[in-house]
Amino acid sequence: MSFALYLVGFLLIIAGVAWALLTVGVAMIKIAITCVILLGVAVLSGVVKTRPKDPPKGT
């Protein structure tokens, strides 16, 4: 799976979470903080999942 596809999926999840928090009545600053944290988690996990494996070291 490519990094871009992984990130698009995670952005949809973040948008859904933000919409749910807005509907419940959470303050905008808390929604923004939550989105930034989730975006950081998305980038970190996307890099780990889509990074190619290191080639074995030959002697």
N, C-alpha and C. Protein backbone atom coordinates (compact mmCIF):
# COMPACT_ATOMS: atom_id res chain seq x y z
N MET A 1 0.86 -1.17 0.00
CA MET A 1 0.00 0.00 0.00
C MET A 1 0.90 1.23 0.00
N SER A 2 0.54 2.23 -0.78
CA SER A 2 1.36 3.43 -0.86
C SER A 2 1.07 4.36 0.33
N PHE A 3 2.04 5.22 0.58
CA PHE A 3 1.92 6.16 1.68
C PHE A 3 0.76 7.13 1.46
N ALA A 4 0.58 7.57 0.21
CA ALA A 4 -0.48 8.53 -0.08
C ALA A 4 -1.86 7.91 0.18
N LEU A 5 -2.05 6.68 -0.23
CA LEU A 5 -3.32 6.01 0.01
C LEU A 5 -3.57 5.81 1.51
N TYR A 6 -2.51 5.44 2.22
CA TYR A 6 -2.60 5.28 3.67
C TYR A 6 -3.00 6.59 4.33
N LEU A 7 -2.38 7.69 3.89
CA LEU A 7 -2.64 9.00 4.48
C LEU A 7 -4.06 9.48 4.15
N VAL A 8 -4.54 9.23 2.95
CA VAL A 8 -5.90 9.62 2.58
C VAL A 8 -6.92 8.90 3.45
N GLY A 9 -6.72 7.62 3.68
CA GLY A 9 -7.61 6.87 4.55
C GLY A 9 -7.61 7.41 5.97
N PHE A 10 -6.44 7.74 6.46
CA PHE A 10 -6.35 8.27 7.82
C PHE A 10 -6.96 9.66 7.90
N LEU A 11 -6.85 10.46 6.84
CA LEU A 11 -7.48 11.79 6.84
C LEU A 11 -9.00 11.68 6.90
N LEU A 12 -9.55 10.66 6.25
CA LEU A 12 -10.99 10.44 6.35
C LEU A 12 -11.40 10.08 7.78
N ILE A 13 -10.58 9.29 8.44
CA ILE A 13 -10.86 8.95 9.84
C ILE A 13 -10.78 10.20 10.71
N ILE A 14 -9.75 11.02 10.49
CA ILE A 14 -9.59 12.24 11.27
C ILE A 14 -10.78 13.18 11.05
N ALA A 15 -11.24 13.29 9.81
CA ALA A 15 -12.39 14.14 9.52
C ALA A 15 -13.64 13.64 10.23
N GLY A 16 -13.82 12.33 10.26
CA GLY A 16 -14.97 11.75 10.96
C GLY A 16 -14.92 12.01 12.46
N VAL A 17 -13.73 11.87 13.02
CA VAL A 17 -13.58 12.13 14.47
C VAL A 17 -13.85 13.61 14.76
N ALA A 18 -13.31 14.50 13.92
CA ALA A 18 -13.53 15.93 14.13
C ALA A 18 -15.01 16.28 14.02
N TRP A 19 -15.69 15.69 13.06
CA TRP A 19 -17.12 15.94 12.88
C TRP A 19 -17.91 15.44 14.09
N ALA A 20 -17.56 14.26 14.59
CA ALA A 20 -18.24 13.73 15.77
C ALA A 20 -18.01 14.61 16.99
N LEU A 21 -16.78 15.07 17.18
CA LEU A 21 -16.49 15.94 18.33
C LEU A 21 -17.22 17.28 18.20
N LEU A 22 -17.30 17.79 16.99
CA LEU A 22 -18.03 19.04 16.77
C LEU A 22 -19.51 18.87 17.06
N THR A 23 -20.07 17.74 16.66
CA THR A 23 -21.48 17.46 16.89
C THR A 23 -21.79 17.35 18.38
N VAL A 24 -20.86 16.76 19.13
CA VAL A 24 -21.06 16.59 20.57
C VAL A 24 -20.94 17.93 21.30
N GLY A 25 -20.19 18.88 20.73
CA GLY A 25 -20.08 20.20 21.34
C GLY A 25 -18.75 20.44 22.02
N VAL A 26 -17.72 19.73 21.60
CA VAL A 26 -16.39 19.92 22.16
C VAL A 26 -15.81 21.23 21.62
N ALA A 27 -15.00 21.90 22.43
CA ALA A 27 -14.41 23.18 22.04
C ALA A 27 -13.50 23.00 20.82
N MET A 28 -13.46 24.01 19.95
CA MET A 28 -12.68 23.94 18.72
C MET A 28 -11.19 23.71 18.97
N ILE A 29 -10.65 24.31 20.02
CA ILE A 29 -9.21 24.15 20.29
C ILE A 29 -8.91 22.69 20.63
N LYS A 30 -9.81 22.03 21.34
CA LYS A 30 -9.60 20.61 21.67
C LYS A 30 -9.74 19.74 20.43
N ILE A 31 -10.62 20.12 19.53
CA ILE A 31 -10.76 19.38 18.27
C ILE A 31 -9.49 19.54 17.44
N ALA A 32 -8.96 20.76 17.38
CA ALA A 32 -7.74 21.01 16.62
C ALA A 32 -6.56 20.23 17.19
N ILE A 33 -6.43 20.21 18.51
CA ILE A 33 -5.34 19.47 19.15
C ILE A 33 -5.47 17.98 18.84
N THR A 34 -6.69 17.45 18.92
CA THR A 34 -6.92 16.05 18.62
C THR A 34 -6.55 15.72 17.18
N CYS A 35 -6.92 16.59 16.26
CA CYS A 35 -6.60 16.36 14.84
C CYS A 35 -5.10 16.39 14.59
N VAL A 36 -4.39 17.30 15.23
CA VAL A 36 -2.94 17.36 15.05
C VAL A 36 -2.27 16.10 15.60
N ILE A 37 -2.73 15.64 16.75
CA ILE A 37 -2.17 14.41 17.33
C ILE A 37 -2.45 13.22 16.42
N LEU A 38 -3.69 13.11 15.93
CA LEU A 38 -4.03 12.00 15.04
C LEU A 38 -3.25 12.07 13.72
N LEU A 39 -3.01 13.28 13.23
CA LEU A 39 -2.22 13.42 12.01
C LEU A 39 -0.78 12.96 12.24
N GLY A 40 -0.23 13.28 13.39
CA GLY A 40 1.11 12.80 13.72
C GLY A 40 1.17 11.28 13.80
N VAL A 41 0.16 10.69 14.42
CA VAL A 41 0.09 9.23 14.48
C VAL A 41 -0.04 8.64 13.08
N ALA A 42 -0.81 9.30 12.22
CA ALA A 42 -0.99 8.82 10.84
C ALA A 42 0.32 8.84 10.07
N VAL A 43 1.07 9.90 10.19
CA VAL A 43 2.34 9.99 9.47
C VAL A 43 3.32 8.95 10.00
N LEU A 44 3.43 8.83 11.30
CA LEU A 44 4.36 7.86 11.87
C LEU A 44 4.00 6.43 11.48
N SER A 45 2.75 6.07 11.61
CA SER A 45 2.36 4.70 11.28
C SER A 45 2.39 4.47 9.77
N GLY A 46 2.11 5.49 8.98
CA GLY A 46 2.20 5.35 7.53
C GLY A 46 3.62 5.11 7.06
N VAL A 47 4.56 5.79 7.64
CA VAL A 47 5.96 5.59 7.29
C VAL A 47 6.41 4.19 7.67
N VAL A 48 6.01 3.74 8.83
CA VAL A 48 6.41 2.40 9.27
C VAL A 48 5.79 1.33 8.38
N LYS A 49 4.53 1.49 8.02
CA LYS A 49 3.83 0.46 7.23
C LYS A 49 4.28 0.43 5.78
N THR A 50 4.66 1.57 5.21
CA THR A 50 4.95 1.62 3.78
C THR A 50 6.44 1.69 3.47
N ARG A 51 7.27 1.76 4.46
CA ARG A 51 8.71 1.82 4.23
C ARG A 51 9.20 0.49 3.68
N PRO A 52 10.04 0.52 2.64
CA PRO A 52 10.56 -0.76 2.12
C PRO A 52 11.52 -1.39 3.13
N LYS A 53 11.58 -2.69 3.09
CA LYS A 53 12.46 -3.41 4.00
C LYS A 53 13.92 -3.12 3.65
N ASP A 54 14.77 -3.07 4.66
CA ASP A 54 16.21 -2.88 4.42
C ASP A 54 16.78 -4.15 3.84
N PRO A 55 17.67 -4.02 2.84
CA PRO A 55 18.28 -5.23 2.30
C PRO A 55 19.24 -5.86 3.32
N PRO A 56 19.37 -7.17 3.28
CA PRO A 56 20.28 -7.81 4.23
C PRO A 56 21.73 -7.39 3.95
N LYS A 57 22.49 -7.27 5.01
CA LYS A 57 23.89 -6.88 4.87
C LYS A 57 24.71 -8.11 4.44
N GLY A 58 25.37 -7.96 3.32
CA GLY A 58 26.21 -9.06 2.83
C GLY A 58 27.66 -8.85 3.24
N THR A 59 28.32 -9.93 3.52
CA THR A 59 29.75 -9.80 3.92
C THR A 59 30.66 -10.26 2.82
